[in-house]
């Protein structure tokens, strides 16, 4: 018998390994990224309280219209950095959520850095 290892299962294993090493606080929250087939999502999370500080779920569709996915991810990175700076957050720990640091994930991090957030 062959054991089937799904791609999603490998990503979840990587995600758990990464999450065991990083932790977000109120001063330096975790910038968590999720990538679906259509959109890219990001949020800043304070793990000590278990609360989301900043998210960009409401404005995602507007930023994806007329752009490719990596361009939209770059714009979303700039947007989340802008919202974080308004709340007084300067630094964040980047949580790539088990995805490779490549493509949309990399562009979102670059957008957040250009927006003024230290990632």
PDB file of N, CA and C in Angstrom:
ATOM      1  N   UNK A   1       0.826  -1.191   0.000  1.00  0.00           N
ATOM      2  CA  UNK A   1       0.000   0.000   0.000  1.00  0.00           C
ATOM      3  C   UNK A   1       0.873   1.259   0.000  1.00  0.00           C
ATOM      4  N   UNK A   2       0.433   2.240  -0.737  1.00  0.00           N
ATOM      5  CA  UNK A   2       1.144   3.506  -0.800  1.00  0.00           C
ATOM      6  C   UNK A   2       0.470   4.518   0.116  1.00  0.00           C
ATOM      7  N   UNK A   3       1.268   5.268   0.783  1.00  0.00           N
ATOM      8  CA  UNK A   3       0.735   6.306   1.649  1.00  0.00           C
ATOM      9  C   UNK A   3       0.655   7.604   0.849  1.00  0.00           C
ATOM     10  N   UNK A   4      -0.503   8.165   0.792  1.00  0.00           N
ATOM     11  CA  UNK A   4      -0.718   9.398   0.037  1.00  0.00           C
ATOM     12  C   UNK A   4      -0.543  10.577   0.983  1.00  0.00           C
ATOM     13  N   UNK A   5       0.380  11.478   0.646  1.00  0.00           N
ATOM     14  CA  UNK A   5       0.597  12.683   1.431  1.00  0.00           C
ATOM     15  C   UNK A   5       0.120  13.858   0.588  1.00  0.00           C
ATOM     16  N   UNK A   6      -0.908  14.497   1.053  1.00  0.00           N
ATOM     17  CA  UNK A   6      -1.470  15.606   0.310  1.00  0.00           C
ATOM     18  C   UNK A   6      -0.635  16.866   0.494  1.00  0.00           C
ATOM     19  N   UNK A   7      -0.668  17.735  -0.494  1.00  0.00           N
ATOM     20  CA  UNK A   7       0.084  18.986  -0.447  1.00  0.00           C
ATOM     21  C   UNK A   7      -0.395  19.854   0.715  1.00  0.00           C
ATOM     22  N   UNK A   8      -1.699  19.847   0.967  1.00  0.00           N
ATOM     23  CA  UNK A   8      -2.253  20.648   2.055  1.00  0.00           C
ATOM     24  C   UNK A   8      -1.732  20.155   3.404  1.00  0.00           C
ATOM     25  N   UNK A   9      -1.600  18.836   3.555  1.00  0.00           N
ATOM     26  CA  UNK A   9      -1.090  18.287   4.807  1.00  0.00           C
ATOM     27  C   UNK A   9       0.354  18.710   5.055  1.00  0.00           C
ATOM     28  N   UNK A  10       1.159  18.753   4.003  1.00  0.00           N
ATOM     29  CA  UNK A  10       2.541  19.197   4.156  1.00  0.00           C
ATOM     30  C   UNK A  10       2.593  20.657   4.572  1.00  0.00           C
ATOM     31  N   UNK A  11       1.707  21.476   3.991  1.00  0.00           N
ATOM     32  CA  UNK A  11       1.665  22.893   4.359  1.00  0.00           C
ATOM     33  C   UNK A  11       1.262  23.054   5.815  1.00  0.00           C
ATOM     34  N   UNK A  12       0.313  22.271   6.276  1.00  0.00           N
ATOM     35  CA  UNK A  12      -0.131  22.364   7.667  1.00  0.00           C
ATOM     36  C   UNK A  12       0.984  21.946   8.620  1.00  0.00           C
ATOM     37  N   UNK A  13       1.774  20.940   8.257  1.00  0.00           N
ATOM     38  CA  UNK A  13       2.915  20.552   9.076  1.00  0.00           C
ATOM     39  C   UNK A  13       3.925  21.693   9.179  1.00  0.00           C
ATOM     40  N   UNK A  14       4.214  22.333   8.036  1.00  0.00           N
ATOM     41  CA  UNK A  14       5.135  23.467   8.042  1.00  0.00           C
ATOM     42  C   UNK A  14       4.572  24.603   8.878  1.00  0.00           C
ATOM     43  N   UNK A  15       3.268  24.837   8.762  1.00  0.00           N
ATOM     44  CA  UNK A  15       2.612  25.912   9.497  1.00  0.00           C
ATOM     45  C   UNK A  15       2.766  25.698  11.009  1.00  0.00           C
ATOM     46  N   UNK A  16       2.529  24.483  11.481  1.00  0.00           N
ATOM     47  CA  UNK A  16       2.637  24.197  12.904  1.00  0.00           C
ATOM     48  C   UNK A  16       4.070  24.342  13.397  1.00  0.00           C
ATOM     49  N   UNK A  17       5.030  23.963  12.573  1.00  0.00           N
ATOM     50  CA  UNK A  17       6.433  24.097  12.949  1.00  0.00           C
ATOM     51  C   UNK A  17       6.818  25.574  13.070  1.00  0.00           C
ATOM     52  N   UNK A  18       6.348  26.379  12.134  1.00  0.00           N
ATOM     53  CA  UNK A  18       6.639  27.815  12.166  1.00  0.00           C
ATOM     54  C   UNK A  18       5.954  28.472  13.359  1.00  0.00           C
ATOM     55  N   UNK A  19       4.692  28.103  13.605  1.00  0.00           N
ATOM     56  CA  UNK A  19       3.918  28.723  14.680  1.00  0.00           C
ATOM     57  C   UNK A  19       4.460  28.383  16.064  1.00  0.00           C
ATOM     58  N   UNK A  20       5.198  27.257  16.177  1.00  0.00           N
ATOM     59  CA  UNK A  20       5.769  26.916  17.476  1.00  0.00           C
ATOM     60  C   UNK A  20       6.929  27.838  17.828  1.00  0.00           C
ATOM     61  N   UNK A  21       7.485  28.521  16.826  1.00  0.00           N
ATOM     62  CA  UNK A  21       8.662  29.362  17.045  1.00  0.00           C
ATOM     63  C   UNK A  21       8.349  30.857  17.115  1.00  0.00           C
ATOM     64  N   UNK A  22       7.200  31.295  16.577  1.00  0.00           N
ATOM     65  CA  UNK A  22       6.912  32.731  16.584  1.00  0.00           C
ATOM     66  C   UNK A  22       5.685  33.019  17.435  1.00  0.00           C
ATOM     67  N   UNK A  23       5.659  34.221  17.991  1.00  0.00           N
ATOM     68  CA  UNK A  23       4.571  34.626  18.861  1.00  0.00           C
ATOM     69  C   UNK A  23       4.382  36.130  18.712  1.00  0.00           C
ATOM     70  N   UNK A  24       3.159  36.562  18.579  1.00  0.00           N
ATOM     71  CA  UNK A  24       2.867  37.985  18.457  1.00  0.00           C
ATOM     72  C   UNK A  24       2.445  38.571  19.786  1.00  0.00           C
ATOM     73  N   UNK A  25       2.886  39.779  20.070  1.00  0.00           N
ATOM     74  CA  UNK A  25       2.493  40.483  21.289  1.00  0.00           C
ATOM     75  C   UNK A  25       1.744  41.744  20.889  1.00  0.00           C
ATOM     76  N   UNK A  26       1.307  42.512  21.869  1.00  0.00           N
ATOM     77  CA  UNK A  26       0.570  43.735  21.543  1.00  0.00           C
ATOM     78  C   UNK A  26       1.485  44.797  20.921  1.00  0.00           C
ATOM     79  N   UNK A  27       2.768  44.809  21.301  1.00  0.00           N
ATOM     80  CA  UNK A  27       3.704  45.770  20.718  1.00  0.00           C
ATOM     81  C   UNK A  27       4.237  45.297  19.367  1.00  0.00           C
ATOM     82  N   UNK A  28       4.400  43.980  19.217  1.00  0.00           N
ATOM     83  CA  UNK A  28       4.927  43.407  17.985  1.00  0.00           C
ATOM     84  C   UNK A  28       4.041  42.215  17.583  1.00  0.00           C
ATOM     85  N   UNK A  29       2.892  42.507  16.955  1.00  0.00           N
ATOM     86  CA  UNK A  29       1.945  41.441  16.620  1.00  0.00           C
ATOM     87  C   UNK A  29       2.423  40.576  15.451  1.00  0.00           C
ATOM     88  N   UNK A  30       1.719  39.479  15.257  1.00  0.00           N
ATOM     89  CA  UNK A  30       2.039  38.535  14.185  1.00  0.00           C
ATOM     90  C   UNK A  30       1.249  38.912  12.946  1.00  0.00           C
ATOM     91  N   UNK A  31       1.937  39.112  11.830  1.00  0.00           N
ATOM     92  CA  UNK A  31       1.294  39.395  10.548  1.00  0.00           C
ATOM     93  C   UNK A  31       1.051  38.064   9.859  1.00  0.00           C
ATOM     94  N   UNK A  32      -0.176  37.581   9.941  1.00  0.00           N
ATOM     95  CA  UNK A  32      -0.535  36.274   9.395  1.00  0.00           C
ATOM     96  C   UNK A  32      -1.142  36.453   8.009  1.00  0.00           C
ATOM     97  N   UNK A  33      -0.718  35.605   7.071  1.00  0.00           N
ATOM     98  CA  UNK A  33      -1.145  35.701   5.675  1.00  0.00           C
ATOM     99  C   UNK A  33      -1.857  34.410   5.286  1.00  0.00           C
ATOM    100  N   UNK A  34      -2.989  34.537   4.610  1.00  0.00           N
ATOM    101  CA  UNK A  34      -3.685  33.383   4.059  1.00  0.00           C
ATOM    102  C   UNK A  34      -3.877  33.601   2.574  1.00  0.00           C
ATOM    103  N   UNK A  35      -3.665  32.562   1.811  1.00  0.00           N
ATOM    104  CA  UNK A  35      -3.732  32.648   0.355  1.00  0.00           C
ATOM    105  C   UNK A  35      -4.763  31.639  -0.146  1.00  0.00           C
ATOM    106  N   UNK A  36      -5.865  32.147  -0.696  1.00  0.00           N
ATOM    107  CA  UNK A  36      -6.832  31.252  -1.328  1.00  0.00           C
ATOM    108  C   UNK A  36      -6.563  31.258  -2.829  1.00  0.00           C
ATOM    109  N   UNK A  37      -7.341  30.526  -3.568  1.00  0.00           N
ATOM    110  CA  UNK A  37      -7.127  30.503  -5.014  1.00  0.00           C
ATOM    111  C   UNK A  37      -7.421  31.853  -5.653  1.00  0.00           C
ATOM    112  N   UNK A  38      -8.335  32.604  -5.080  1.00  0.00           N
ATOM    113  CA  UNK A  38      -8.747  33.864  -5.680  1.00  0.00           C
ATOM    114  C   UNK A  38      -8.152  35.098  -4.989  1.00  0.00           C
ATOM    115  N   UNK A  39      -8.120  35.106  -3.667  1.00  0.00           N
ATOM    116  CA  UNK A  39      -7.720  36.296  -2.923  1.00  0.00           C
ATOM    117  C   UNK A  39      -6.561  36.001  -1.970  1.00  0.00           C
ATOM    118  N   UNK A  40      -5.991  37.085  -1.443  1.00  0.00           N
ATOM    119  CA  UNK A  40      -4.962  37.011  -0.411  1.00  0.00           C
ATOM    120  C   UNK A  40      -5.471  37.801   0.788  1.00  0.00           C
ATOM    121  N   UNK A  41      -5.352  37.230   1.978  1.00  0.00           N
ATOM    122  CA  UNK A  41      -5.837  37.864   3.194  1.00  0.00           C
ATOM    123  C   UNK A  41      -4.670  38.074   4.149  1.00  0.00           C
ATOM    124  N   UNK A  42      -4.765  39.094   5.003  1.00  0.00           N
ATOM    125  CA  UNK A  42      -3.730  39.340   6.011  1.00  0.00           C
ATOM    126  C   UNK A  42      -4.370  39.948   7.246  1.00  0.00           C
ATOM    127  N   UNK A  43      -3.781  39.645   8.392  1.00  0.00           N
ATOM    128  CA  UNK A  43      -4.252  40.237   9.639  1.00  0.00           C
ATOM    129  C   UNK A  43      -3.115  40.308  10.644  1.00  0.00           C
ATOM    130  N   UNK A  44      -3.199  41.264  11.551  1.00  0.00           N
ATOM    131  CA  UNK A  44      -2.240  41.404  12.636  1.00  0.00           C
ATOM    132  C   UNK A  44      -2.883  40.848  13.897  1.00  0.00           C
ATOM    133  N   UNK A  45      -2.205  39.895  14.549  1.00  0.00           N
ATOM    134  CA  UNK A  45      -2.792  39.167  15.663  1.00  0.00           C
ATOM    135  C   UNK A  45      -1.923  39.327  16.910  1.00  0.00           C
ATOM    136  N   UNK A  46      -2.573  39.617  18.042  1.00  0.00           N
ATOM    137  CA  UNK A  46      -1.916  39.634  19.340  1.00  0.00           C
ATOM    138  C   UNK A  46      -2.174  38.274  19.986  1.00  0.00           C
ATOM    139  N   UNK A  47      -1.166  37.409  20.011  1.00  0.00           N
ATOM    140  CA  UNK A  47      -1.336  36.049  20.532  1.00  0.00           C
ATOM    141  C   UNK A  47      -1.462  36.008  22.048  1.00  0.00           C
ATOM    142  N   UNK A  48      -0.923  36.996  22.743  1.00  0.00           N
ATOM    143  CA  UNK A  48      -1.022  36.986  24.201  1.00  0.00           C
ATOM    144  C   UNK A  48      -2.468  37.183  24.660  1.00  0.00           C
ATOM    145  N   UNK A  49      -3.241  37.971  23.913  1.00  0.00           N
ATOM    146  CA  UNK A  49      -4.658  38.178  24.232  1.00  0.00           C
ATOM    147  C   UNK A  49      -5.576  37.326  23.366  1.00  0.00           C
ATOM    148  N   UNK A  50      -5.027  36.807  22.265  1.00  0.00           N
ATOM    149  CA  UNK A  50      -5.846  36.001  21.362  1.00  0.00           C
ATOM    150  C   UNK A  50      -6.813  36.834  20.539  1.00  0.00           C
ATOM    151  N   UNK A  51      -6.399  38.052  20.179  1.00  0.00           N
ATOM    152  CA  UNK A  51      -7.291  38.947  19.435  1.00  0.00           C
ATOM    153  C   UNK A  51      -6.630  39.451  18.165  1.00  0.00           C
ATOM    154  N   UNK A  52      -7.471  39.727  17.169  1.00  0.00           N
ATOM    155  CA  UNK A  52      -7.006  40.334  15.931  1.00  0.00           C
ATOM    156  C   UNK A  52      -7.020  41.845  16.114  1.00  0.00           C
ATOM    157  N   UNK A  53      -5.893  42.477  15.848  1.00  0.00           N
ATOM    158  CA  UNK A  53      -5.776  43.924  16.020  1.00  0.00           C
ATOM    159  C   UNK A  53      -6.224  44.637  14.750  1.00  0.00           C
ATOM    160  N   UNK A  54      -5.672  44.223  13.600  1.00  0.00           N
ATOM    161  CA  UNK A  54      -5.980  44.843  12.312  1.00  0.00           C
ATOM    162  C   UNK A  54      -6.215  43.737  11.292  1.00  0.00           C
ATOM    163  N   UNK A  55      -7.256  43.898  10.471  1.00  0.00           N
ATOM    164  CA  UNK A  55      -7.441  42.977   9.352  1.00  0.00           C
ATOM    165  C   UNK A  55      -7.879  43.768   8.131  1.00  0.00           C
ATOM    166  N   UNK A  56      -7.798  43.141   6.965  1.00  0.00           N
ATOM    167  CA  UNK A  56      -8.155  43.838   5.733  1.00  0.00           C
ATOM    168  C   UNK A  56      -9.163  43.038   4.926  1.00  0.00           C
ATOM    169  N   UNK A  57     -10.042  42.337   5.635  1.00  0.00           N
ATOM    170  CA  UNK A  57     -10.965  41.451   4.925  1.00  0.00           C
ATOM    171  C   UNK A  57     -12.058  42.207   4.166  1.00  0.00           C
ATOM    172  N   UNK A  58     -12.449  43.374   4.616  1.00  0.00           N
ATOM    173  CA  UNK A  58     -13.546  44.097   3.961  1.00  0.00           C
ATOM    174  C   UNK A  58     -13.170  44.678   2.610  1.00  0.00           C
ATOM    175  N   UNK A  59     -11.931  45.078   2.443  1.00  0.00           N
ATOM    176  CA  UNK A  59     -11.531  45.786   1.238  1.00  0.00           C
ATOM    177  C   UNK A  59     -10.763  44.924   0.247  1.00  0.00           C
ATOM    178  N   UNK A  60     -10.807  43.616   0.409  1.00  0.00           N
ATOM    179  CA  UNK A  60     -10.001  42.741  -0.444  1.00  0.00           C
ATOM    180  C   UNK A  60     -10.458  42.749  -1.889  1.00  0.00           C
ATOM    181  N   UNK A  61     -11.733  42.631  -2.135  1.00  0.00           N
ATOM    182  CA  UNK A  61     -12.234  42.542  -3.510  1.00  0.00           C
ATOM    183  C   UNK A  61     -11.918  43.810  -4.299  1.00  0.00           C
ATOM    184  N   UNK A  62     -11.993  44.950  -3.635  1.00  0.00           N
ATOM    185  CA  UNK A  62     -11.719  46.226  -4.305  1.00  0.00           C
ATOM    186  C   UNK A  62     -10.279  46.291  -4.808  1.00  0.00           C
ATOM    187  N   UNK A  63      -9.335  45.749  -4.033  1.00  0.00           N
ATOM    188  CA  UNK A  63      -7.925  45.806  -4.427  1.00  0.00           C
ATOM    189  C   UNK A  63      -7.546  44.755  -5.452  1.00  0.00           C
ATOM    190  N   UNK A  64      -8.362  43.717  -5.615  1.00  0.00           N
ATOM    191  CA  UNK A  64      -8.059  42.673  -6.596  1.00  0.00           C
ATOM    192  C   UNK A  64      -8.612  42.991  -7.990  1.00  0.00           C
ATOM    193  N   UNK A  65      -9.552  43.919  -8.092  1.00  0.00           N
ATOM    194  CA  UNK A  65     -10.161  44.219  -9.390  1.00  0.00           C
ATOM    195  C   UNK A  65      -9.153  44.849 -10.347  1.00  0.00           C
ATOM    196  N   UNK A  66      -9.003  44.257 -11.523  1.00  0.00           N
ATOM    197  CA  UNK A  66      -8.156  44.806 -12.568  1.00  0.00           C
ATOM    198  C   UNK A  66      -6.664  44.607 -12.378  1.00  0.00           C
ATOM    199  N   UNK A  67      -6.264  43.797 -11.400  1.00  0.00           N
ATOM    200  CA  UNK A  67      -4.848  43.560 -11.150  1.00  0.00           C
ATOM    201  C   UNK A  67      -4.598  42.067 -11.101  1.00  0.00           C
ATOM    202  N   UNK A  68      -3.342  41.689 -11.311  1.00  0.00           N
ATOM    203  CA  UNK A  68      -3.054  40.279 -11.080  1.00  0.00           C
ATOM    204  C   UNK A  68      -2.881  40.060  -9.578  1.00  0.00           C
ATOM    205  N   UNK A  69      -2.772  38.804  -9.167  1.00  0.00           N
ATOM    206  CA  UNK A  69      -2.808  38.478  -7.743  1.00  0.00           C
ATOM    207  C   UNK A  69      -1.628  39.041  -6.968  1.00  0.00           C
ATOM    208  N   UNK A  70      -0.441  39.054  -7.571  1.00  0.00           N
ATOM    209  CA  UNK A  70       0.715  39.549  -6.827  1.00  0.00           C
ATOM    210  C   UNK A  70       0.679  41.075  -6.701  1.00  0.00           C
ATOM    211  N   UNK A  71       0.154  41.768  -7.713  1.00  0.00           N
ATOM    212  CA  UNK A  71      -0.002  43.223  -7.599  1.00  0.00           C
ATOM    213  C   UNK A  71      -1.006  43.561  -6.501  1.00  0.00           C
ATOM    214  N   UNK A  72      -2.086  42.801  -6.434  1.00  0.00           N
ATOM    215  CA  UNK A  72      -3.098  43.030  -5.403  1.00  0.00           C
ATOM    216  C   UNK A  72      -2.519  42.749  -4.016  1.00  0.00           C
ATOM    217  N   UNK A  73      -1.692  41.707  -3.886  1.00  0.00           N
ATOM    218  CA  UNK A  73      -1.072  41.381  -2.605  1.00  0.00           C
ATOM    219  C   UNK A  73      -0.142  42.504  -2.153  1.00  0.00           C
ATOM    220  N   UNK A  74       0.576  43.106  -3.087  1.00  0.00           N
ATOM    221  CA  UNK A  74       1.459  44.230  -2.777  1.00  0.00           C
ATOM    222  C   UNK A  74       0.643  45.410  -2.227  1.00  0.00           C
ATOM    223  N   UNK A  75      -0.460  45.713  -2.889  1.00  0.00           N
ATOM    224  CA  UNK A  75      -1.335  46.804  -2.432  1.00  0.00           C
ATOM    225  C   UNK A  75      -1.929  46.504  -1.057  1.00  0.00           C
ATOM    226  N   UNK A  76      -2.300  45.250  -0.828  1.00  0.00           N
ATOM    227  CA  UNK A  76      -2.852  44.874   0.469  1.00  0.00           C
ATOM    228  C   UNK A  76      -1.802  44.990   1.565  1.00  0.00           C
ATOM    229  N   UNK A  77      -0.549  44.683   1.251  1.00  0.00           N
ATOM    230  CA  UNK A  77       0.537  44.857   2.217  1.00  0.00           C
ATOM    231  C   UNK A  77       0.704  46.320   2.609  1.00  0.00           C
ATOM    232  N   UNK A  78       0.625  47.203   1.626  1.00  0.00           N
ATOM    233  CA  UNK A  78       0.708  48.631   1.919  1.00  0.00           C
ATOM    234  C   UNK A  78      -0.482  49.088   2.759  1.00  0.00           C
ATOM    235  N   UNK A  79      -1.659  48.543   2.458  1.00  0.00           N
ATOM    236  CA  UNK A  79      -2.865  48.912   3.196  1.00  0.00           C
ATOM    237  C   UNK A  79      -2.799  48.454   4.649  1.00  0.00           C
ATOM    238  N   UNK A  80      -2.356  47.229   4.885  1.00  0.00           N
ATOM    239  CA  UNK A  80      -2.294  46.748   6.277  1.00  0.00           C
ATOM    240  C   UNK A  80      -1.227  47.503   7.064  1.00  0.00           C
ATOM    241  N   UNK A  81      -0.144  47.907   6.400  1.00  0.00           N
ATOM    242  CA  UNK A  81       0.881  48.708   7.076  1.00  0.00           C
ATOM    243  C   UNK A  81       0.322  50.075   7.456  1.00  0.00           C
ATOM    244  N   UNK A  82      -0.459  50.659   6.563  1.00  0.00           N
ATOM    245  CA  UNK A  82      -1.077  51.960   6.838  1.00  0.00           C
ATOM    246  C   UNK A  82      -2.031  51.871   8.036  1.00  0.00           C
ATOM    247  N   UNK A  83      -2.856  50.822   8.065  1.00  0.00           N
ATOM    248  CA  UNK A  83      -3.784  50.642   9.183  1.00  0.00           C
ATOM    249  C   UNK A  83      -3.046  50.371  10.489  1.00  0.00           C
ATOM    250  N   UNK A  84      -1.948  49.618  10.410  1.00  0.00           N
ATOM    251  CA  UNK A  84      -1.171  49.316  11.612  1.00  0.00           C
ATOM    252  C   UNK A  84      -0.513  50.572  12.167  1.00  0.00           C
ATOM    253  N   UNK A  85       0.006  51.417  11.291  1.00  0.00           N
ATOM    254  CA  UNK A  85       0.637  52.652  11.751  1.00  0.00           C
ATOM    255  C   UNK A  85      -0.373  53.582  12.410  1.00  0.00           C
ATOM    256  N   UNK A  86      -1.619  53.571  11.928  1.00  0.00           N
ATOM    257  CA  UNK A  86      -2.671  54.376  12.571  1.00  0.00           C
ATOM    258  C   UNK A  86      -2.960  53.897  13.989  1.00  0.00           C
ATOM    259  N   UNK A  87      -2.795  52.595  14.227  1.00  0.00           N
ATOM    260  CA  UNK A  87      -3.026  52.026  15.557  1.00  0.00           C
ATOM    261  C   UNK A  87      -1.780  52.083  16.430  1.00  0.00           C
ATOM    262  N   UNK A  88      -0.678  52.602  15.891  1.00  0.00           N
ATOM    263  CA  UNK A  88       0.548  52.752  16.668  1.00  0.00           C
ATOM    264  C   UNK A  88       1.454  51.539  16.633  1.00  0.00           C
ATOM    265  N   UNK A  89       1.261  50.661  15.679  1.00  0.00           N
ATOM    266  CA  UNK A  89       2.096  49.465  15.553  1.00  0.00           C
ATOM    267  C   UNK A  89       3.175  49.739  14.512  1.00  0.00           C
ATOM    268  N   UNK A  90       4.427  49.570  14.907  1.00  0.00           N
ATOM    269  CA  UNK A  90       5.551  49.866  14.026  1.00  0.00           C
ATOM    270  C   UNK A  90       6.195  48.584  13.506  1.00  0.00           C
ATOM    271  N   UNK A  91       6.251  47.548  14.368  1.00  0.00           N
ATOM    272  CA  UNK A  91       6.906  46.295  14.009  1.00  0.00           C
ATOM    273  C   UNK A  91       5.914  45.144  14.035  1.00  0.00           C
ATOM    274  N   UNK A  92       6.219  44.099  13.273  1.00  0.00           N
ATOM    275  CA  UNK A  92       5.397  42.895  13.263  1.00  0.00           C
ATOM    276  C   UNK A  92       6.278  41.683  12.968  1.00  0.00           C
ATOM    277  N   UNK A  93       5.832  40.521  13.421  1.00  0.00           N
ATOM    278  CA  UNK A  93       6.494  39.256  13.126  1.00  0.00           C
ATOM    279  C   UNK A  93       5.748  38.647  11.947  1.00  0.00           C
ATOM    280  N   UNK A  94       6.456  38.297  10.886  1.00  0.00           N
ATOM    281  CA  UNK A  94       5.803  37.789   9.674  1.00  0.00           C
ATOM    282  C   UNK A  94       5.540  36.292   9.802  1.00  0.00           C
ATOM    283  N   UNK A  95       4.285  35.903   9.636  1.00  0.00           N
ATOM    284  CA  UNK A  95       3.871  34.499   9.667  1.00  0.00           C
ATOM    285  C   UNK A  95       3.407  34.132   8.268  1.00  0.00           C
ATOM    286  N   UNK A  96       4.217  33.371   7.554  1.00  0.00           N
ATOM    287  CA  UNK A  96       3.881  33.018   6.179  1.00  0.00           C
ATOM    288  C   UNK A  96       2.896  31.865   6.111  1.00  0.00           C
ATOM    289  N   UNK A  97       2.520  31.311   7.272  1.00  0.00           N
ATOM    290  CA  UNK A  97       1.432  30.337   7.376  1.00  0.00           C
ATOM    291  C   UNK A  97       1.710  29.041   6.615  1.00  0.00           C
ATOM    292  N   UNK A  98       2.970  28.652   6.499  1.00  0.00           N
ATOM    293  CA  UNK A  98       3.317  27.409   5.822  1.00  0.00           C
ATOM    294  C   UNK A  98       3.537  27.542   4.329  1.00  0.00           C
ATOM    295  N   UNK A  99       3.263  28.706   3.767  1.00  0.00           N
ATOM    296  CA  UNK A  99       3.484  28.924   2.335  1.00  0.00           C
ATOM    297  C   UNK A  99       4.952  29.272   2.101  1.00  0.00           C
ATOM    298  N   UNK A 100       5.420  29.043   0.884  1.00  0.00           N
ATOM    299  CA  UNK A 100       6.779  29.447   0.541  1.00  0.00           C
ATOM    300  C   UNK A 100       6.849  30.964   0.468  1.00  0.00           C
ATOM    301  N   UNK A 101       7.996  31.527   0.834  1.00  0.00           N
ATOM    302  CA  UNK A 101       8.190  32.974   0.737  1.00  0.00           C
ATOM    303  C   UNK A 101       8.479  33.288  -0.725  1.00  0.00           C
ATOM    304  N   UNK A 102       7.414  33.385  -1.495  1.00  0.00           N
ATOM    305  CA  UNK A 102       7.514  33.447  -2.944  1.00  0.00           C
ATOM    306  C   UNK A 102       6.197  34.001  -3.473  1.00  0.00           C
ATOM    307  N   UNK A 103       6.238  34.723  -4.564  1.00  0.00           N
ATOM    308  CA  UNK A 103       5.007  35.166  -5.221  1.00  0.00           C
ATOM    309  C   UNK A 103       4.198  36.137  -4.384  1.00  0.00           C
ATOM    310  N   UNK A 104       2.935  35.792  -4.168  1.00  0.00           N
ATOM    311  CA  UNK A 104       2.025  36.688  -3.453  1.00  0.00           C
ATOM    312  C   UNK A 104       2.450  36.943  -2.020  1.00  0.00           C
ATOM    313  N   UNK A 105       2.981  35.920  -1.356  1.00  0.00           N
ATOM    314  CA  UNK A 105       3.402  36.071   0.033  1.00  0.00           C
ATOM    315  C   UNK A 105       4.563  37.066   0.123  1.00  0.00           C
ATOM    316  N   UNK A 106       5.509  36.931  -0.767  1.00  0.00           N
ATOM    317  CA  UNK A 106       6.663  37.833  -0.794  1.00  0.00           C
ATOM    318  C   UNK A 106       6.232  39.254  -1.138  1.00  0.00           C
ATOM    319  N   UNK A 107       5.337  39.403  -2.107  1.00  0.00           N
ATOM    320  CA  UNK A 107       4.875  40.739  -2.516  1.00  0.00           C
ATOM    321  C   UNK A 107       4.096  41.420  -1.388  1.00  0.00           C
ATOM    322  N   UNK A 108       3.314  40.666  -0.618  1.00  0.00           N
ATOM    323  CA  UNK A 108       2.588  41.250   0.502  1.00  0.00           C
ATOM    324  C   UNK A 108       3.568  41.763   1.556  1.00  0.00           C
ATOM    325  N   UNK A 109       4.612  40.987   1.837  1.00  0.00           N
ATOM    326  CA  UNK A 109       5.632  41.420   2.805  1.00  0.00           C
ATOM    327  C   UNK A 109       6.364  42.664   2.304  1.00  0.00           C
ATOM    328  N   UNK A 110       6.674  42.704   1.002  1.00  0.00           N
ATOM    329  CA  UNK A 110       7.338  43.884   0.437  1.00  0.00           C
ATOM    330  C   UNK A 110       6.447  45.112   0.524  1.00  0.00           C
ATOM    331  N   UNK A 111       5.163  44.944   0.272  1.00  0.00           N
ATOM    332  CA  UNK A 111       4.226  46.053   0.375  1.00  0.00           C
ATOM    333  C   UNK A 111       4.117  46.566   1.803  1.00  0.00           C
ATOM    334  N   UNK A 112       4.120  45.652   2.769  1.00  0.00           N
ATOM    335  CA  UNK A 112       4.054  46.058   4.176  1.00  0.00           C
ATOM    336  C   UNK A 112       5.322  46.810   4.576  1.00  0.00           C
ATOM    337  N   UNK A 113       6.473  46.354   4.079  1.00  0.00           N
ATOM    338  CA  UNK A 113       7.737  47.052   4.379  1.00  0.00           C
ATOM    339  C   UNK A 113       7.743  48.443   3.767  1.00  0.00           C
ATOM    340  N   UNK A 114       7.269  48.556   2.533  1.00  0.00           N
ATOM    341  CA  UNK A 114       7.250  49.868   1.892  1.00  0.00           C
ATOM    342  C   UNK A 114       6.228  50.789   2.538  1.00  0.00           C
ATOM    343  N   UNK A 115       5.171  50.211   3.088  1.00  0.00           N
ATOM    344  CA  UNK A 115       4.161  51.009   3.781  1.00  0.00           C
ATOM    345  C   UNK A 115       4.615  51.533   5.119  1.00  0.00           C
ATOM    346  N   UNK A 116       5.789  51.093   5.614  1.00  0.00           N
ATOM    347  CA  UNK A 116       6.333  51.623   6.852  1.00  0.00           C
ATOM    348  C   UNK A 116       6.340  50.635   8.008  1.00  0.00           C
ATOM    349  N   UNK A 117       5.902  49.421   7.778  1.00  0.00           N
ATOM    350  CA  UNK A 117       5.877  48.415   8.831  1.00  0.00           C
ATOM    351  C   UNK A 117       7.192  47.633   8.800  1.00  0.00           C
ATOM    352  N   UNK A 118       7.819  47.452   9.951  1.00  0.00           N
ATOM    353  CA  UNK A 118       9.048  46.661  10.027  1.00  0.00           C
ATOM    354  C   UNK A 118       8.666  45.195  10.175  1.00  0.00           C
ATOM    355  N   UNK A 119       8.905  44.429   9.105  1.00  0.00           N
ATOM    356  CA  UNK A 119       8.539  43.012   9.106  1.00  0.00           C
ATOM    357  C   UNK A 119       9.796  42.186   9.109  1.00  0.00           C
TER     358      UNK A 119
END
